[in-house]
């Protein structure tokens, strides 16, 4: 089976990298063990989709869903950060 590709907002495709999920939720405030749990759950969700490509926005939305079950405060920060990052400069 070919690796899943992530389609970024600018249309660029790159291989799906679970380590990026761990890194971003760790930076949002989870300890490494919690970040790994979130990453594992998102990876399982991505694999369950059974698609060759998935958008980075779909992954981001799923990260938020999982974060809500792990740490609501970190989920709120992650959501806030994503909104501020999306605003045009």
N, C-alpha and C. Protein backbone atom coordinates (compact mmCIF):
# COMPACT_ATOMS: atom_id res chain seq x y z
N UNK A 1 0.85 -1.19 0.00
CA UNK A 1 0.00 0.00 0.00
C UNK A 1 0.88 1.24 0.00
N UNK A 2 0.53 2.20 -0.83
CA UNK A 2 1.29 3.45 -0.90
C UNK A 2 1.04 4.29 0.34
N UNK A 3 2.04 5.07 0.73
CA UNK A 3 1.84 5.95 1.89
C UNK A 3 0.79 7.01 1.59
N UNK A 4 0.10 7.41 2.62
CA UNK A 4 -0.92 8.45 2.50
C UNK A 4 -0.24 9.79 2.29
N UNK A 5 -0.79 10.57 1.39
CA UNK A 5 -0.28 11.91 1.12
C UNK A 5 -1.18 12.94 1.79
N UNK A 6 -0.56 13.99 2.30
CA UNK A 6 -1.30 15.12 2.87
C UNK A 6 -1.29 16.22 1.83
N UNK A 7 -2.49 16.75 1.54
CA UNK A 7 -2.62 17.86 0.60
C UNK A 7 -2.69 19.14 1.42
N UNK A 8 -1.64 19.95 1.28
CA UNK A 8 -1.57 21.21 2.02
C UNK A 8 -2.52 22.23 1.37
N UNK A 9 -2.75 23.34 2.06
CA UNK A 9 -3.66 24.35 1.53
C UNK A 9 -3.22 24.93 0.20
N UNK A 10 -1.91 24.97 -0.02
CA UNK A 10 -1.41 25.52 -1.29
C UNK A 10 -1.37 24.47 -2.41
N UNK A 11 -1.88 23.26 -2.11
CA UNK A 11 -1.95 22.21 -3.11
C UNK A 11 -0.75 21.27 -3.13
N UNK A 12 0.30 21.63 -2.41
CA UNK A 12 1.48 20.77 -2.33
C UNK A 12 1.12 19.49 -1.59
N UNK A 13 1.66 18.38 -2.07
CA UNK A 13 1.41 17.09 -1.42
C UNK A 13 2.70 16.61 -0.77
N UNK A 14 2.57 16.06 0.43
CA UNK A 14 3.73 15.50 1.11
C UNK A 14 3.30 14.24 1.86
N UNK A 15 4.25 13.38 2.17
CA UNK A 15 3.89 12.16 2.90
C UNK A 15 3.33 12.49 4.29
N UNK A 16 2.35 11.72 4.71
CA UNK A 16 1.76 11.86 6.04
C UNK A 16 2.82 11.52 7.08
N UNK A 17 3.05 12.43 8.03
CA UNK A 17 4.10 12.26 9.04
C UNK A 17 3.50 12.41 10.43
N UNK A 18 3.19 11.31 11.12
CA UNK A 18 2.60 11.39 12.46
C UNK A 18 3.45 12.17 13.46
N UNK A 19 4.76 12.21 13.26
CA UNK A 19 5.64 12.95 14.18
C UNK A 19 5.28 14.43 14.21
N UNK A 20 4.77 14.96 13.10
CA UNK A 20 4.37 16.37 13.07
C UNK A 20 3.20 16.62 14.01
N UNK A 21 2.29 15.66 14.10
CA UNK A 21 1.15 15.80 15.01
C UNK A 21 1.65 15.83 16.44
N UNK A 22 2.52 14.89 16.78
CA UNK A 22 3.08 14.85 18.13
C UNK A 22 3.76 16.17 18.46
N UNK A 23 4.54 16.67 17.53
CA UNK A 23 5.29 17.91 17.74
C UNK A 23 4.36 19.11 17.97
N UNK A 24 3.32 19.23 17.15
CA UNK A 24 2.46 20.41 17.25
C UNK A 24 1.61 20.39 18.52
N UNK A 25 1.12 19.21 18.93
CA UNK A 25 0.30 19.19 20.15
C UNK A 25 1.16 19.26 21.40
N UNK A 26 2.41 18.82 21.30
CA UNK A 26 3.36 19.01 22.40
C UNK A 26 3.64 20.50 22.56
N UNK A 27 3.83 21.20 21.45
CA UNK A 27 4.07 22.64 21.48
C UNK A 27 2.84 23.40 21.99
N UNK A 28 1.66 22.83 21.78
CA UNK A 28 0.42 23.48 22.24
C UNK A 28 0.22 23.32 23.75
N UNK A 29 0.99 22.42 24.37
CA UNK A 29 0.91 22.33 25.82
C UNK A 29 0.77 20.94 26.41
N UNK A 30 0.68 19.92 25.59
CA UNK A 30 0.60 18.57 26.13
C UNK A 30 2.01 18.05 26.43
N UNK A 31 2.11 17.20 27.46
CA UNK A 31 3.40 16.55 27.67
C UNK A 31 3.58 15.51 26.57
N UNK A 32 4.79 14.97 26.46
CA UNK A 32 5.07 14.09 25.33
C UNK A 32 4.17 12.86 25.31
N UNK A 33 3.89 12.27 26.48
CA UNK A 33 3.05 11.07 26.53
C UNK A 33 1.64 11.37 26.03
N UNK A 34 1.07 12.50 26.45
CA UNK A 34 -0.27 12.89 25.99
C UNK A 34 -0.23 13.20 24.49
N UNK A 35 0.83 13.88 24.06
CA UNK A 35 0.96 14.22 22.64
C UNK A 35 1.00 12.95 21.79
N UNK A 36 1.67 11.93 22.29
CA UNK A 36 1.76 10.66 21.56
C UNK A 36 0.40 9.99 21.48
N UNK A 37 -0.38 10.09 22.55
CA UNK A 37 -1.74 9.52 22.56
C UNK A 37 -2.60 10.20 21.50
N UNK A 38 -2.54 11.53 21.46
CA UNK A 38 -3.30 12.28 20.46
C UNK A 38 -2.85 11.87 19.06
N UNK A 39 -1.55 11.82 18.84
CA UNK A 39 -1.03 11.44 17.53
C UNK A 39 -1.51 10.05 17.14
N UNK A 40 -1.43 9.09 18.06
CA UNK A 40 -1.87 7.72 17.76
C UNK A 40 -3.34 7.68 17.37
N UNK A 41 -4.17 8.45 18.06
CA UNK A 41 -5.61 8.46 17.75
C UNK A 41 -5.89 9.10 16.39
N UNK A 42 -5.16 10.15 16.08
CA UNK A 42 -5.34 10.81 14.78
C UNK A 42 -4.84 9.89 13.66
N UNK A 43 -3.72 9.24 13.88
CA UNK A 43 -3.20 8.30 12.88
C UNK A 43 -4.21 7.18 12.63
N UNK A 44 -4.80 6.65 13.69
CA UNK A 44 -5.81 5.60 13.53
C UNK A 44 -6.99 6.12 12.72
N UNK A 45 -7.41 7.35 12.98
CA UNK A 45 -8.52 7.96 12.25
C UNK A 45 -8.16 8.11 10.77
N UNK A 46 -6.95 8.60 10.49
CA UNK A 46 -6.52 8.79 9.10
C UNK A 46 -6.53 7.44 8.37
N UNK A 47 -5.97 6.41 8.99
CA UNK A 47 -5.93 5.09 8.35
C UNK A 47 -7.34 4.55 8.11
N UNK A 48 -8.24 4.84 9.03
CA UNK A 48 -9.63 4.36 8.91
C UNK A 48 -10.33 4.99 7.70
N UNK A 49 -9.86 6.16 7.26
CA UNK A 49 -10.49 6.83 6.11
C UNK A 49 -10.25 6.05 4.82
N UNK A 50 -9.18 5.27 4.78
CA UNK A 50 -8.85 4.45 3.61
C UNK A 50 -8.82 5.26 2.32
N UNK A 51 -8.10 6.37 2.37
CA UNK A 51 -7.94 7.23 1.19
C UNK A 51 -6.45 7.42 0.91
N UNK A 52 -6.09 7.63 -0.35
CA UNK A 52 -4.68 7.84 -0.68
C UNK A 52 -4.18 9.24 -0.31
N UNK A 53 -5.13 10.19 -0.22
CA UNK A 53 -4.78 11.57 0.12
C UNK A 53 -5.80 12.12 1.11
N UNK A 54 -5.31 13.02 1.97
CA UNK A 54 -6.18 13.68 2.93
C UNK A 54 -5.69 15.11 3.09
N UNK A 55 -6.60 16.04 3.32
CA UNK A 55 -6.18 17.43 3.42
C UNK A 55 -5.61 17.73 4.81
N UNK A 56 -4.70 18.68 4.84
CA UNK A 56 -4.13 19.10 6.13
C UNK A 56 -5.23 19.68 7.03
N UNK A 57 -6.25 20.28 6.43
CA UNK A 57 -7.35 20.84 7.23
C UNK A 57 -8.18 19.74 7.88
N UNK A 58 -8.37 18.63 7.19
CA UNK A 58 -9.09 17.50 7.78
C UNK A 58 -8.30 16.94 8.98
N UNK A 59 -7.01 16.86 8.82
CA UNK A 59 -6.17 16.38 9.92
C UNK A 59 -6.24 17.36 11.08
N UNK A 60 -6.13 18.65 10.79
CA UNK A 60 -6.22 19.67 11.85
C UNK A 60 -7.54 19.56 12.60
N UNK A 61 -8.63 19.40 11.87
CA UNK A 61 -9.94 19.28 12.53
C UNK A 61 -10.00 18.04 13.43
N UNK A 62 -9.41 16.94 12.97
CA UNK A 62 -9.42 15.73 13.78
C UNK A 62 -8.52 15.88 15.00
N UNK A 63 -7.42 16.59 14.87
CA UNK A 63 -6.56 16.87 16.03
C UNK A 63 -7.38 17.61 17.09
N UNK A 64 -8.18 18.59 16.66
CA UNK A 64 -9.01 19.36 17.58
C UNK A 64 -10.02 18.45 18.28
N UNK A 65 -10.66 17.57 17.53
CA UNK A 65 -11.64 16.63 18.11
C UNK A 65 -10.97 15.78 19.19
N UNK A 66 -9.82 15.24 18.89
CA UNK A 66 -9.12 14.37 19.85
C UNK A 66 -8.64 15.19 21.04
N UNK A 67 -8.10 16.38 20.80
CA UNK A 67 -7.63 17.22 21.90
C UNK A 67 -8.75 17.52 22.89
N UNK A 68 -9.96 17.71 22.39
CA UNK A 68 -11.11 17.98 23.27
C UNK A 68 -11.30 16.87 24.29
N UNK A 69 -10.97 15.64 23.93
CA UNK A 69 -11.15 14.51 24.84
C UNK A 69 -9.96 14.35 25.79
N UNK A 70 -8.83 14.95 25.45
CA UNK A 70 -7.61 14.79 26.25
C UNK A 70 -7.39 15.97 27.19
N UNK A 71 -7.51 17.19 26.65
CA UNK A 71 -7.26 18.40 27.46
C UNK A 71 -7.96 19.59 26.79
N UNK A 72 -9.08 19.99 27.37
CA UNK A 72 -9.88 21.07 26.76
C UNK A 72 -9.11 22.39 26.67
N UNK A 73 -8.29 22.68 27.67
CA UNK A 73 -7.53 23.93 27.66
C UNK A 73 -6.54 23.95 26.49
N UNK A 74 -5.85 22.85 26.28
CA UNK A 74 -4.92 22.76 25.15
C UNK A 74 -5.70 22.80 23.83
N UNK A 75 -6.85 22.17 23.80
CA UNK A 75 -7.70 22.22 22.59
C UNK A 75 -8.08 23.66 22.26
N UNK A 76 -8.44 24.42 23.28
CA UNK A 76 -8.80 25.83 23.06
C UNK A 76 -7.60 26.62 22.55
N UNK A 77 -6.43 26.39 23.13
CA UNK A 77 -5.23 27.09 22.67
C UNK A 77 -4.91 26.71 21.23
N UNK A 78 -4.99 25.42 20.91
CA UNK A 78 -4.71 24.94 19.56
C UNK A 78 -5.67 25.60 18.57
N UNK A 79 -6.95 25.65 18.92
CA UNK A 79 -7.96 26.27 18.05
C UNK A 79 -7.64 27.74 17.85
N UNK A 80 -7.30 28.45 18.94
CA UNK A 80 -6.97 29.87 18.86
C UNK A 80 -5.75 30.08 17.96
N UNK A 81 -4.73 29.28 18.16
CA UNK A 81 -3.51 29.42 17.36
C UNK A 81 -3.79 29.20 15.88
N UNK A 82 -4.58 28.19 15.57
CA UNK A 82 -4.89 27.91 14.17
C UNK A 82 -5.65 29.07 13.54
N UNK A 83 -6.57 29.68 14.30
CA UNK A 83 -7.32 30.83 13.76
C UNK A 83 -6.39 32.01 13.51
N UNK A 84 -5.48 32.29 14.43
CA UNK A 84 -4.59 33.44 14.25
C UNK A 84 -3.60 33.18 13.13
N UNK A 85 -3.19 31.92 12.97
CA UNK A 85 -2.26 31.55 11.91
C UNK A 85 -2.92 31.69 10.54
N UNK A 86 -4.23 31.46 10.49
CA UNK A 86 -4.95 31.51 9.22
C UNK A 86 -5.23 32.93 8.73
N UNK A 87 -5.15 33.91 9.64
CA UNK A 87 -5.46 35.27 9.23
C UNK A 87 -4.39 35.82 8.30
N UNK A 88 -4.82 36.52 7.23
CA UNK A 88 -3.83 37.12 6.33
C UNK A 88 -3.04 38.19 7.07
N UNK A 89 -1.79 38.28 6.74
CA UNK A 89 -0.90 39.24 7.40
C UNK A 89 -1.05 40.63 6.83
